[in-house]
Amino acid sequence: MRVAFDSRPGSDPHGVGRYSRCLLQALRDTAEAQGEIIETHRPRHADVFHSPWMDGASVRPRLRALAVQRAARVIAPTKALAADAFAFLGLERERVAVVPEAPDEVMYPRTPAEILYVRERFRLPERYLVWVGCLQHPDPSKQVAKLAATSRQLPLVLVGPARPWAHELPDVTLTGHVCDEHLAAIYSGAHALVIASEDEGFGLPAVEALACGTPVVACEVPALREVLQGRATFVPAGDLRALIEAAQAASRPAPGPPTWTWHDAADATWHVYRQAIAHANEARAAPAIRRRRAAAGAEQALPRTEY
């Protein structure tokens, strides 16, 4: 099996970048018994083309949803997101596979010396709450502005690539984009991770924080509830005062992250590839089968001639 994997989003600072990097490495690690991985967005001479992002569909933006609808298989990280695919894209349930994500191996509790280093480098306070995401464009569903404006005793640190608008947020510390090692240390030093979003597809920062030993407090969202189950404290959606209060009251030790790993995700993804190939083979065989059935039906319908 030859799989063409579009690795272009690997350098993206958003979640799709981490997904692409981690899954691609795990696919390489498991390829010997499964097949061959080719990094390209031009899938010639490949059995399967895997595009890990909507932008990878080689069509105009308005046609990308159609490209997803025509895909042999679609991967979603949670059942909640799969339900959205059924509802908004009209995908058949058998064509959507749920393959969860996982924390990278670099996400583990860091030493006091490593925590002190990132505090000094990014000018972080001794005790703080942390939020992790993208601050390049305002996204009302993330509720970052409301979170920044909510009164609290502990300082709030926002981690992620940021544009000038984010620097106008009141009473917060911005780190900008950080490398994975520094992110793990920032998680490890935080009092708690806060997630104020009204909409999440998986919530990778939450499992990363848990892997670093940091408590997670989040607004109620179906995908987060599915992924975290009893590993996080949930407050009603939109109640940011309750979110801050619960985060400030959080205590260690935090529960461990889900046991699912990127190698588990790779094994599940190889299975999806095999399903996609079988689907394509069935689609190619269908016209010939229909022609044979039509021919057989026509032969039976011919009048019998007696000699």
C-alpha atoms as a PDB file:
ATOM      1  CA  MET A   1       0.000   0.000   0.000  1.00  0.00           C
ATOM      2  CA  ARG A   2       1.435   3.381  -1.042  1.00  0.00           C
ATOM      3  CA  VAL A   3       0.024   6.350   0.852  1.00  0.00           C
ATOM      4  CA  ALA A   4       0.583   9.930  -0.292  1.00  0.00           C
ATOM      5  CA  PHE A   5       0.471  12.130   2.831  1.00  0.00           C
ATOM      6  CA  ASP A   6       0.190  15.889   2.419  1.00  0.00           C
ATOM      7  CA  SER A   7       2.763  17.023   5.001  1.00  0.00           C
ATOM      8  CA  ARG A   8       2.561  20.743   4.137  1.00  0.00           C
ATOM      9  CA  PRO A   9       0.571  21.658   7.266  1.00  0.00           C
ATOM     10  CA  GLY A  10       3.334  20.209   9.474  1.00  0.00           C
ATOM     11  CA  SER A  11       4.832  23.678   9.925  1.00  0.00           C
ATOM     12  CA  ASP A  12       1.478  25.236  10.814  1.00  0.00           C
ATOM     13  CA  PRO A  13       1.453  26.587  14.407  1.00  0.00           C
ATOM     14  CA  HIS A  14      -2.192  25.583  14.842  1.00  0.00           C
ATOM     15  CA  GLY A  15      -3.542  22.212  15.942  1.00  0.00           C
ATOM     16  CA  VAL A  16      -3.467  20.820  12.408  1.00  0.00           C
ATOM     17  CA  GLY A  17       0.310  21.272  12.436  1.00  0.00           C
ATOM     18  CA  ARG A  18       0.784  19.182  15.552  1.00  0.00           C
ATOM     19  CA  TYR A  19      -1.698  16.594  14.261  1.00  0.00           C
ATOM     20  CA  SER A  20       0.196  16.299  10.979  1.00  0.00           C
ATOM     21  CA  ARG A  21       3.634  16.083  12.592  1.00  0.00           C
ATOM     22  CA  CYS A  22       2.683  13.562  15.264  1.00  0.00           C
ATOM     23  CA  LEU A  23       0.582  11.332  13.024  1.00  0.00           C
ATOM     24  CA  LEU A  24       3.157  11.369  10.209  1.00  0.00           C
ATOM     25  CA  GLN A  25       5.925  10.301  12.584  1.00  0.00           C
ATOM     26  CA  ALA A  26       3.741   7.524  14.006  1.00  0.00           C
ATOM     27  CA  LEU A  27       2.821   6.372  10.489  1.00  0.00           C
ATOM     28  CA  ARG A  28       6.532   6.202   9.640  1.00  0.00           C
ATOM     29  CA  ASP A  29       7.205   4.220  12.822  1.00  0.00           C
ATOM     30  CA  THR A  30       4.516   1.662  11.946  1.00  0.00           C
ATOM     31  CA  ALA A  31       4.972   1.604   8.147  1.00  0.00           C
ATOM     32  CA  GLU A  32       7.163  -1.498   7.951  1.00  0.00           C
ATOM     33  CA  ALA A  33       4.256  -3.856   8.628  1.00  0.00           C
ATOM     34  CA  GLN A  34       1.619  -1.695   6.942  1.00  0.00           C
ATOM     35  CA  GLY A  35       2.782   0.033   3.762  1.00  0.00           C
ATOM     36  CA  GLU A  36       4.743   2.979   2.405  1.00  0.00           C
ATOM     37  CA  ILE A  37       4.341   6.668   3.284  1.00  0.00           C
ATOM     38  CA  ILE A  38       5.199   9.271   0.644  1.00  0.00           C
ATOM     39  CA  GLU A  39       5.206  12.944   1.642  1.00  0.00           C
ATOM     40  CA  THR A  40       3.571  14.795  -1.237  1.00  0.00           C
ATOM     41  CA  HIS A  41       0.461  16.734  -2.150  1.00  0.00           C
ATOM     42  CA  ARG A  42       0.574  15.362  -5.707  1.00  0.00           C
ATOM     43  CA  PRO A  43      -0.747  11.828  -5.265  1.00  0.00           C
ATOM     44  CA  ARG A  44       0.462  10.193  -8.479  1.00  0.00           C
ATOM     45  CA  HIS A  45       1.127   6.450  -8.341  1.00  0.00           C
ATOM     46  CA  ALA A  46      -0.329   6.225  -4.826  1.00  0.00           C
ATOM     47  CA  ASP A  47      -3.133   3.991  -3.577  1.00  0.00           C
ATOM     48  CA  VAL A  48      -4.435   6.540  -1.056  1.00  0.00           C
ATOM     49  CA  PHE A  49      -4.107  10.311  -0.702  1.00  0.00           C
ATOM     50  CA  HIS A  50      -4.413  11.624   2.862  1.00  0.00           C
ATOM     51  CA  SER A  51      -5.063  15.354   3.208  1.00  0.00           C
ATOM     52  CA  PRO A  52      -4.984  16.264   6.929  1.00  0.00           C
ATOM     53  CA  TRP A  53      -6.467  19.720   6.321  1.00  0.00           C
ATOM     54  CA  MET A  54      -9.315  21.254   4.360  1.00  0.00           C
ATOM     55  CA  ASP A  55      -6.885  23.647   2.649  1.00  0.00           C
ATOM     56  CA  GLY A  56      -5.146  20.651   1.135  1.00  0.00           C
ATOM     57  CA  ALA A  57      -8.076  19.918  -1.149  1.00  0.00           C
ATOM     58  CA  SER A  58      -6.827  21.050  -4.556  1.00  0.00           C
ATOM     59  CA  VAL A  59      -9.963  23.017  -5.330  1.00  0.00           C
ATOM     60  CA  ARG A  60     -11.342  26.474  -4.681  1.00  0.00           C
ATOM     61  CA  PRO A  61     -12.468  27.144  -1.082  1.00  0.00           C
ATOM     62  CA  ARG A  62     -16.164  27.001  -1.966  1.00  0.00           C
ATOM     63  CA  LEU A  63     -15.690  23.480  -3.330  1.00  0.00           C
ATOM     64  CA  ARG A  64     -13.755  22.054  -0.375  1.00  0.00           C
ATOM     65  CA  ALA A  65     -16.873  20.787   1.367  1.00  0.00           C
ATOM     66  CA  LEU A  66     -17.744  18.967  -1.866  1.00  0.00           C
ATOM     67  CA  ALA A  67     -14.255  17.456  -1.920  1.00  0.00           C
ATOM     68  CA  VAL A  68     -14.804  16.131   1.613  1.00  0.00           C
ATOM     69  CA  GLN A  69     -18.185  14.733   0.608  1.00  0.00           C
ATOM     70  CA  ARG A  70     -16.541  12.846  -2.257  1.00  0.00           C
ATOM     71  CA  ALA A  71     -13.727  11.412  -0.115  1.00  0.00           C
ATOM     72  CA  ALA A  72     -13.684   7.637   0.279  1.00  0.00           C
ATOM     73  CA  ARG A  73     -13.199   8.040   4.039  1.00  0.00           C
ATOM     74  CA  VAL A  74     -13.207  10.997   6.442  1.00  0.00           C
ATOM     75  CA  ILE A  75     -11.361  10.966   9.778  1.00  0.00           C
ATOM     76  CA  ALA A  76     -12.753  12.848  12.790  1.00  0.00           C
ATOM     77  CA  PRO A  77     -11.025  12.991  16.188  1.00  0.00           C
ATOM     78  CA  THR A  78     -14.237  12.660  18.225  1.00  0.00           C
ATOM     79  CA  LYS A  79     -17.727  11.255  17.918  1.00  0.00           C
ATOM     80  CA  ALA A  80     -19.040  14.776  18.559  1.00  0.00           C
ATOM     81  CA  LEU A  81     -17.226  16.128  15.494  1.00  0.00           C
ATOM     82  CA  ALA A  82     -18.335  13.120  13.461  1.00  0.00           C
ATOM     83  CA  ALA A  83     -21.937  13.975  14.361  1.00  0.00           C
ATOM     84  CA  ASP A  84     -21.361  17.465  12.953  1.00  0.00           C
ATOM     85  CA  ALA A  85     -20.051  15.908   9.748  1.00  0.00           C
ATOM     86  CA  PHE A  86     -23.229  13.882   9.428  1.00  0.00           C
ATOM     87  CA  ALA A  87     -25.424  16.902  10.138  1.00  0.00           C
ATOM     88  CA  PHE A  88     -23.693  19.635   8.129  1.00  0.00           C
ATOM     89  CA  LEU A  89     -21.949  17.753   5.323  1.00  0.00           C
ATOM     90  CA  GLY A  90     -24.436  14.945   4.867  1.00  0.00           C
ATOM     91  CA  LEU A  91     -21.767  12.233   5.139  1.00  0.00           C
ATOM     92  CA  GLU A  92     -22.821   8.626   5.486  1.00  0.00           C
ATOM     93  CA  ARG A  93     -21.953   7.178   8.879  1.00  0.00           C
ATOM     94  CA  GLU A  94     -19.954   4.279   7.425  1.00  0.00           C
ATOM     95  CA  ARG A  95     -17.612   6.718   5.654  1.00  0.00           C
ATOM     96  CA  VAL A  96     -16.556   8.551   8.831  1.00  0.00           C
ATOM     97  CA  ALA A  97     -13.932   7.017  11.117  1.00  0.00           C
ATOM     98  CA  VAL A  98     -13.252   8.350  14.623  1.00  0.00           C
ATOM     99  CA  VAL A  99      -9.508   8.387  15.374  1.00  0.00           C
ATOM    100  CA  PRO A 100      -8.627  10.334  18.548  1.00  0.00           C
ATOM    101  CA  GLU A 101      -5.515  12.459  18.928  1.00  0.00           C
ATOM    102  CA  ALA A 102      -2.935  12.205  21.723  1.00  0.00           C
ATOM    103  CA  PRO A 103      -0.263  14.212  23.532  1.00  0.00           C
ATOM    104  CA  ASP A 104       3.147  14.236  21.897  1.00  0.00           C
ATOM    105  CA  GLU A 105       5.904  12.311  23.685  1.00  0.00           C
ATOM    106  CA  VAL A 106       7.578  15.651  24.460  1.00  0.00           C
ATOM    107  CA  MET A 107       4.665  16.517  26.761  1.00  0.00           C
ATOM    108  CA  TYR A 108       5.640  15.341  30.247  1.00  0.00           C
ATOM    109  CA  PRO A 109       6.148  17.034  33.639  1.00  0.00           C
ATOM    110  CA  ARG A 110       9.252  19.231  33.541  1.00  0.00           C
ATOM    111  CA  THR A 111      11.796  19.840  36.286  1.00  0.00           C
ATOM    112  CA  PRO A 112      11.776  22.929  38.516  1.00  0.00           C
ATOM    113  CA  ALA A 113      14.853  24.167  36.658  1.00  0.00           C
ATOM    114  CA  GLU A 114      13.078  23.926  33.289  1.00  0.00           C
ATOM    115  CA  ILE A 115      10.014  25.680  34.690  1.00  0.00           C
ATOM    116  CA  LEU A 116      12.176  28.457  36.149  1.00  0.00           C
ATOM    117  CA  TYR A 117      13.902  28.876  32.772  1.00  0.00           C
ATOM    118  CA  VAL A 118      10.642  29.466  30.851  1.00  0.00           C
ATOM    119  CA  ARG A 119       9.351  31.761  33.580  1.00  0.00           C
ATOM    120  CA  GLU A 120      12.423  33.925  33.204  1.00  0.00           C
ATOM    121  CA  ARG A 121      12.528  33.729  29.418  1.00  0.00           C
ATOM    122  CA  PHE A 122       8.878  34.668  28.906  1.00  0.00           C
ATOM    123  CA  ARG A 123       8.566  36.834  32.035  1.00  0.00           C
ATOM    124  CA  LEU A 124       5.916  34.648  33.619  1.00  0.00           C
ATOM    125  CA  PRO A 125       4.707  35.069  37.210  1.00  0.00           C
ATOM    126  CA  GLU A 126       5.373  32.411  39.817  1.00  0.00           C
ATOM    127  CA  ARG A 127       1.740  31.235  39.810  1.00  0.00           C
ATOM    128  CA  TYR A 128      -0.533  31.605  36.797  1.00  0.00           C
ATOM    129  CA  LEU A 129      -3.389  30.202  34.778  1.00  0.00           C
ATOM    130  CA  VAL A 130      -2.597  29.287  31.186  1.00  0.00           C
ATOM    131  CA  TRP A 131      -4.575  29.312  27.943  1.00  0.00           C
ATOM    132  CA  VAL A 132      -3.107  27.749  24.773  1.00  0.00           C
ATOM    133  CA  GLY A 133      -4.268  28.406  21.218  1.00  0.00           C
ATOM    134  CA  CYS A 134      -4.010  30.752  18.263  1.00  0.00           C
ATOM    135  CA  LEU A 135      -4.304  34.521  18.631  1.00  0.00           C
ATOM    136  CA  GLN A 136      -3.714  35.475  15.018  1.00  0.00           C
ATOM    137  CA  HIS A 137      -7.372  36.257  14.317  1.00  0.00           C
ATOM    138  CA  PRO A 138     -10.192  37.066  16.764  1.00  0.00           C
ATOM    139  CA  ASP A 139     -12.464  34.051  17.159  1.00  0.00           C
ATOM    140  CA  PRO A 140     -15.617  34.767  19.174  1.00  0.00           C
ATOM    141  CA  SER A 141     -16.148  31.042  19.841  1.00  0.00           C
ATOM    142  CA  LYS A 142     -12.860  30.907  21.794  1.00  0.00           C
ATOM    143  CA  GLN A 143     -14.050  33.721  24.119  1.00  0.00           C
ATOM    144  CA  VAL A 144     -10.471  34.895  24.731  1.00  0.00           C
ATOM    145  CA  ALA A 145     -11.417  38.574  25.076  1.00  0.00           C
ATOM    146  CA  LYS A 146     -14.124  37.755  27.612  1.00  0.00           C
ATOM    147  CA  LEU A 147     -11.726  35.475  29.456  1.00  0.00           C
ATOM    148  CA  ALA A 148      -9.113  38.235  29.664  1.00  0.00           C
ATOM    149  CA  ALA A 149     -11.709  40.672  31.003  1.00  0.00           C
ATOM    150  CA  THR A 150     -12.936  38.309  33.744  1.00  0.00           C
ATOM    151  CA  SER A 151     -11.720  39.274  37.218  1.00  0.00           C
ATOM    152  CA  ARG A 152      -9.309  36.850  38.924  1.00  0.00           C
ATOM    153  CA  GLN A 153      -6.590  36.608  41.563  1.00  0.00           C
ATOM    154  CA  LEU A 154      -4.096  34.595  39.484  1.00  0.00           C
ATOM    155  CA  PRO A 155      -2.487  36.098  36.368  1.00  0.00           C
ATOM    156  CA  LEU A 156      -3.477  34.726  32.959  1.00  0.00           C
ATOM    157  CA  VAL A 157      -0.838  33.621  30.430  1.00  0.00           C
ATOM    158  CA  LEU A 158      -1.856  33.255  26.781  1.00  0.00           C
ATOM    159  CA  VAL A 159       0.379  30.955  24.710  1.00  0.00           C
ATOM    160  CA  GLY A 160       0.319  30.922  20.922  1.00  0.00           C
ATOM    161  CA  PRO A 161       1.119  32.947  17.809  1.00  0.00           C
ATOM    162  CA  ALA A 162      -0.425  36.391  18.153  1.00  0.00           C
ATOM    163  CA  ARG A 163      -1.258  39.409  16.012  1.00  0.00           C
ATOM    164  CA  PRO A 164      -1.382  43.026  17.274  1.00  0.00           C
ATOM    165  CA  TRP A 165      -5.052  42.796  18.317  1.00  0.00           C
ATOM    166  CA  ALA A 166      -4.127  40.282  21.034  1.00  0.00           C
ATOM    167  CA  HIS A 167      -1.705  42.756  22.613  1.00  0.00           C
ATOM    168  CA  GLU A 168      -4.700  44.991  23.346  1.00  0.00           C
ATOM    169  CA  LEU A 169      -6.206  42.387  25.687  1.00  0.00           C
ATOM    170  CA  PRO A 170      -6.178  43.656  29.277  1.00  0.00           C
ATOM    171  CA  ASP A 171      -4.111  42.234  32.119  1.00  0.00           C
ATOM    172  CA  VAL A 172      -2.616  39.188  30.341  1.00  0.00           C
ATOM    173  CA  THR A 173       0.874  37.919  29.496  1.00  0.00           C
ATOM    174  CA  LEU A 174       1.472  36.837  25.899  1.00  0.00           C
ATOM    175  CA  THR A 175       4.327  34.480  25.048  1.00  0.00           C
ATOM    176  CA  GLY A 176       3.835  34.254  21.297  1.00  0.00           C
ATOM    177  CA  HIS A 177       4.636  30.969  19.565  1.00  0.00           C
ATOM    178  CA  VAL A 178       6.843  28.669  21.673  1.00  0.00           C
ATOM    179  CA  CYS A 179       8.638  25.413  20.887  1.00  0.00           C
ATOM    180  CA  ASP A 180       7.245  22.137  22.230  1.00  0.00           C
ATOM    181  CA  GLU A 181       9.840  21.827  25.018  1.00  0.00           C
ATOM    182  CA  HIS A 182       9.025  25.304  26.296  1.00  0.00           C
ATOM    183  CA  LEU A 183       5.289  24.634  26.000  1.00  0.00           C
ATOM    184  CA  ALA A 184       5.654  21.513  28.152  1.00  0.00           C
ATOM    185  CA  ALA A 185       7.487  23.550  30.790  1.00  0.00           C
ATOM    186  CA  ILE A 186       4.837  26.304  30.669  1.00  0.00           C
ATOM    187  CA  TYR A 187       2.122  23.675  31.145  1.00  0.00           C
ATOM    188  CA  SER A 188       4.100  22.117  34.005  1.00  0.00           C
ATOM    189  CA  GLY A 189       4.466  25.432  35.802  1.00  0.00           C
ATOM    190  CA  ALA A 190       0.837  26.518  35.450  1.00  0.00           C
ATOM    191  CA  HIS A 191      -1.684  26.292  38.273  1.00  0.00           C
ATOM    192  CA  ALA A 192      -4.298  25.114  35.742  1.00  0.00           C
ATOM    193  CA  LEU A 193      -5.174  25.181  32.046  1.00  0.00           C
ATOM    194  CA  VAL A 194      -8.390  27.041  31.216  1.00  0.00           C
ATOM    195  CA  ILE A 195     -10.510  26.352  28.121  1.00  0.00           C
ATOM    196  CA  ALA A 196     -13.266  28.891  27.559  1.00  0.00           C
ATOM    197  CA  SER A 197     -14.308  27.732  24.069  1.00  0.00           C
ATOM    198  CA  GLU A 198     -17.904  27.262  23.039  1.00  0.00           C
ATOM    199  CA  ASP A 199     -16.826  24.842  20.307  1.00  0.00           C
ATOM    200  CA  GLU A 200     -13.999  22.291  20.186  1.00  0.00           C
ATOM    201  CA  GLY A 201     -13.255  19.415  17.840  1.00  0.00           C
ATOM    202  CA  PHE A 202     -10.954  17.578  20.247  1.00  0.00           C
ATOM    203  CA  GLY A 203      -9.111  19.831  22.711  1.00  0.00           C
ATOM    204  CA  LEU A 204      -5.479  18.813  22.271  1.00  0.00           C
ATOM    205  CA  PRO A 205      -4.133  21.377  24.811  1.00  0.00           C
ATOM    206  CA  ALA A 206      -6.216  19.640  27.469  1.00  0.00           C
ATOM    207  CA  VAL A 207      -4.583  16.222  27.010  1.00  0.00           C
ATOM    208  CA  GLU A 208      -1.178  17.901  26.684  1.00  0.00           C
ATOM    209  CA  ALA A 209      -1.680  19.726  29.995  1.00  0.00           C
ATOM    210  CA  LEU A 210      -2.757  16.511  31.724  1.00  0.00           C
ATOM    211  CA  ALA A 211       0.328  14.766  30.331  1.00  0.00           C
ATOM    212  CA  CYS A 212       2.396  17.503  32.016  1.00  0.00           C
ATOM    213  CA  GLY A 213       0.568  17.022  35.331  1.00  0.00           C
ATOM    214  CA  THR A 214      -1.522  20.197  35.098  1.00  0.00           C
ATOM    215  CA  PRO A 215      -5.227  20.330  36.052  1.00  0.00           C
ATOM    216  CA  VAL A 216      -7.728  21.260  33.326  1.00  0.00           C
ATOM    217  CA  VAL A 217     -10.860  23.371  33.780  1.00  0.00           C
ATOM    218  CA  ALA A 218     -13.157  23.832  30.789  1.00  0.00           C
ATOM    219  CA  CYS A 219     -16.535  25.104  29.728  1.00  0.00           C
ATOM    220  CA  GLU A 220     -18.967  22.329  28.906  1.00  0.00           C
ATOM    221  CA  VAL A 221     -18.455  21.224  25.295  1.00  0.00           C
ATOM    222  CA  PRO A 222     -19.475  17.785  23.921  1.00  0.00           C
ATOM    223  CA  ALA A 223     -16.081  16.985  22.382  1.00  0.00           C
ATOM    224  CA  LEU A 224     -14.172  17.910  25.558  1.00  0.00           C
ATOM    225  CA  ARG A 225     -16.544  15.880  27.724  1.00  0.00           C
ATOM    226  CA  GLU A 226     -16.034  12.908  25.388  1.00  0.00           C
ATOM    227  CA  VAL A 227     -12.237  13.180  25.396  1.00  0.00           C
ATOM    228  CA  LEU A 228     -11.634  14.089  29.044  1.00  0.00           C
ATOM    229  CA  GLN A 229     -14.495  12.277  30.768  1.00  0.00           C
ATOM    230  CA  GLY A 230     -13.630  12.439  34.505  1.00  0.00           C
ATOM    231  CA  ARG A 231     -10.207  14.018  33.998  1.00  0.00           C
ATOM    232  CA  ALA A 232     -11.260  17.684  34.023  1.00  0.00           C
ATOM    233  CA  THR A 233     -13.498  20.084  35.899  1.00  0.00           C
ATOM    234  CA  PHE A 234     -16.380  21.385  33.785  1.00  0.00           C
ATOM    235  CA  VAL A 235     -18.456  24.516  34.263  1.00  0.00           C
ATOM    236  CA  PRO A 236     -21.543  25.640  32.310  1.00  0.00           C
ATOM    237  CA  ALA A 237     -20.777  26.915  28.811  1.00  0.00           C
ATOM    238  CA  GLY A 238     -20.224  30.659  28.780  1.00  0.00           C
ATOM    239  CA  ASP A 239     -19.844  31.021  32.565  1.00  0.00           C
ATOM    240  CA  LEU A 240     -16.325  32.441  32.604  1.00  0.00           C
ATOM    241  CA  ARG A 241     -16.538  33.595  36.210  1.00  0.00           C
ATOM    242  CA  ALA A 242     -17.204  29.998  37.249  1.00  0.00           C
ATOM    243  CA  LEU A 243     -14.366  28.881  34.960  1.00  0.00           C
ATOM    244  CA  ILE A 244     -11.855  31.190  36.644  1.00  0.00           C
ATOM    245  CA  GLU A 245     -13.054  30.309  40.144  1.00  0.00           C
ATOM    246  CA  ALA A 246     -12.775  26.573  39.441  1.00  0.00           C
ATOM    247  CA  ALA A 247      -9.335  27.012  37.868  1.00  0.00           C
ATOM    248  CA  GLN A 248      -8.039  29.009  40.847  1.00  0.00           C
ATOM    249  CA  ALA A 249      -9.382  26.301  43.184  1.00  0.00           C
ATOM    250  CA  ALA A 250      -7.779  23.458  41.196  1.00  0.00           C
ATOM    251  CA  SER A 251      -5.261  21.266  42.956  1.00  0.00           C
ATOM    252  CA  ARG A 252      -2.647  18.708  42.024  1.00  0.00           C
ATOM    253  CA  PRO A 253      -2.084  15.912  41.285  1.00  0.00           C
ATOM    254  CA  ALA A 254      -4.040  16.138  38.058  1.00  0.00           C
ATOM    255  CA  PRO A 255      -5.451  12.948  36.549  1.00  0.00           C
ATOM    256  CA  GLY A 256      -3.327  11.359  33.859  1.00  0.00           C
ATOM    257  CA  PRO A 257      -4.212  11.878  30.186  1.00  0.00           C
ATOM    258  CA  PRO A 258      -6.191   9.303  28.175  1.00  0.00           C
ATOM    259  CA  THR A 259      -4.082   6.217  27.450  1.00  0.00           C
ATOM    260  CA  TRP A 260      -4.528   6.524  23.664  1.00  0.00           C
ATOM    261  CA  THR A 261      -1.217   7.191  21.878  1.00  0.00           C
ATOM    262  CA  TRP A 262      -0.165   8.444  18.455  1.00  0.00           C
ATOM    263  CA  HIS A 263       0.915   4.881  17.581  1.00  0.00           C
ATOM    264  CA  ASP A 264      -2.655   3.789  18.352  1.00  0.00           C
ATOM    265  CA  ALA A 265      -3.839   6.592  16.063  1.00  0.00           C
ATOM    266  CA  ALA A 266      -1.448   5.416  13.331  1.00  0.00           C
ATOM    267  CA  ASP A 267      -2.709   1.819  13.543  1.00  0.00           C
ATOM    268  CA  ALA A 268      -6.300   3.049  13.305  1.00  0.00           C
ATOM    269  CA  THR A 269      -5.382   5.302  10.360  1.00  0.00           C
ATOM    270  CA  TRP A 270      -3.742   2.432   8.447  1.00  0.00           C
ATOM    271  CA  HIS A 271      -7.046   0.575   8.884  1.00  0.00           C
ATOM    272  CA  VAL A 272      -8.896   3.568   7.419  1.00  0.00           C
ATOM    273  CA  TYR A 273      -6.526   3.517   4.427  1.00  0.00           C
ATOM    274  CA  ARG A 274      -7.390  -0.128   3.779  1.00  0.00           C
ATOM    275  CA  GLN A 275     -11.082   0.714   3.984  1.00  0.00           C
ATOM    276  CA  ALA A 276     -10.597   3.559   1.490  1.00  0.00           C
ATOM    277  CA  ILE A 277      -8.847   1.265  -0.984  1.00  0.00           C
ATOM    278  CA  ALA A 278     -11.608  -1.350  -0.645  1.00  0.00           C
ATOM    279  CA  HIS A 279     -14.218   1.367  -1.205  1.00  0.00           C
ATOM    280  CA  ALA A 280     -12.426   2.566  -4.347  1.00  0.00           C
ATOM    281  CA  ASN A 281     -12.113  -0.983  -5.683  1.00  0.00           C
ATOM    282  CA  GLU A 282     -15.832  -1.573  -5.116  1.00  0.00           C
ATOM    283  CA  ALA A 283     -16.666   1.694  -6.886  1.00  0.00           C
ATOM    284  CA  ARG A 284     -14.530   0.736  -9.893  1.00  0.00           C
ATOM    285  CA  ALA A 285     -16.044  -2.741 -10.033  1.00  0.00           C
ATOM    286  CA  ALA A 286     -19.649  -1.540  -9.750  1.00  0.00           C
ATOM    287  CA  PRO A 287     -20.141  -0.434 -13.421  1.00  0.00           C
ATOM    288  CA  ALA A 288     -18.852  -3.770 -14.719  1.00  0.00           C
ATOM    289  CA  ILE A 289     -21.116  -5.665 -12.331  1.00  0.00           C
ATOM    290  CA  ARG A 290     -24.089  -3.573 -13.419  1.00  0.00           C
ATOM    291  CA  ARG A 291     -23.270  -4.236 -17.086  1.00  0.00           C
ATOM    292  CA  ARG A 292     -23.042  -7.987 -16.480  1.00  0.00           C
ATOM    293  CA  ARG A 293     -26.337  -7.970 -14.602  1.00  0.00           C
ATOM    294  CA  ALA A 294     -27.981  -5.901 -17.324  1.00  0.00           C
ATOM    295  CA  ALA A 295     -26.659  -8.263 -19.994  1.00  0.00           C
ATOM    296  CA  ALA A 296     -27.891 -11.274 -18.065  1.00  0.00           C
ATOM    297  CA  GLY A 297     -31.313  -9.672 -17.667  1.00  0.00           C
ATOM    298  CA  ALA A 298     -31.489  -8.860 -21.389  1.00  0.00           C
ATOM    299  CA  GLU A 299     -30.572 -12.414 -22.307  1.00  0.00           C
ATOM    300  CA  GLN A 300     -33.333 -13.780 -20.133  1.00  0.00           C
ATOM    301  CA  ALA A 301     -35.804 -11.351 -21.692  1.00  0.00           C
ATOM    302  CA  LEU A 302     -35.071 -12.417 -25.270  1.00  0.00           C
ATOM    303  CA  PRO A 303     -37.876 -14.513 -26.832  1.00  0.00           C
ATOM    304  CA  ARG A 304     -37.042 -18.193 -27.254  1.00  0.00           C
ATOM    305  CA  THR A 305     -37.137 -19.403 -30.833  1.00  0.00           C
ATOM    306  CA  GLU A 306     -38.054 -23.021 -31.541  1.00  0.00           C
ATOM    307  CA  TYR A 307     -36.438 -24.780 -34.522  1.00  0.00           C
END
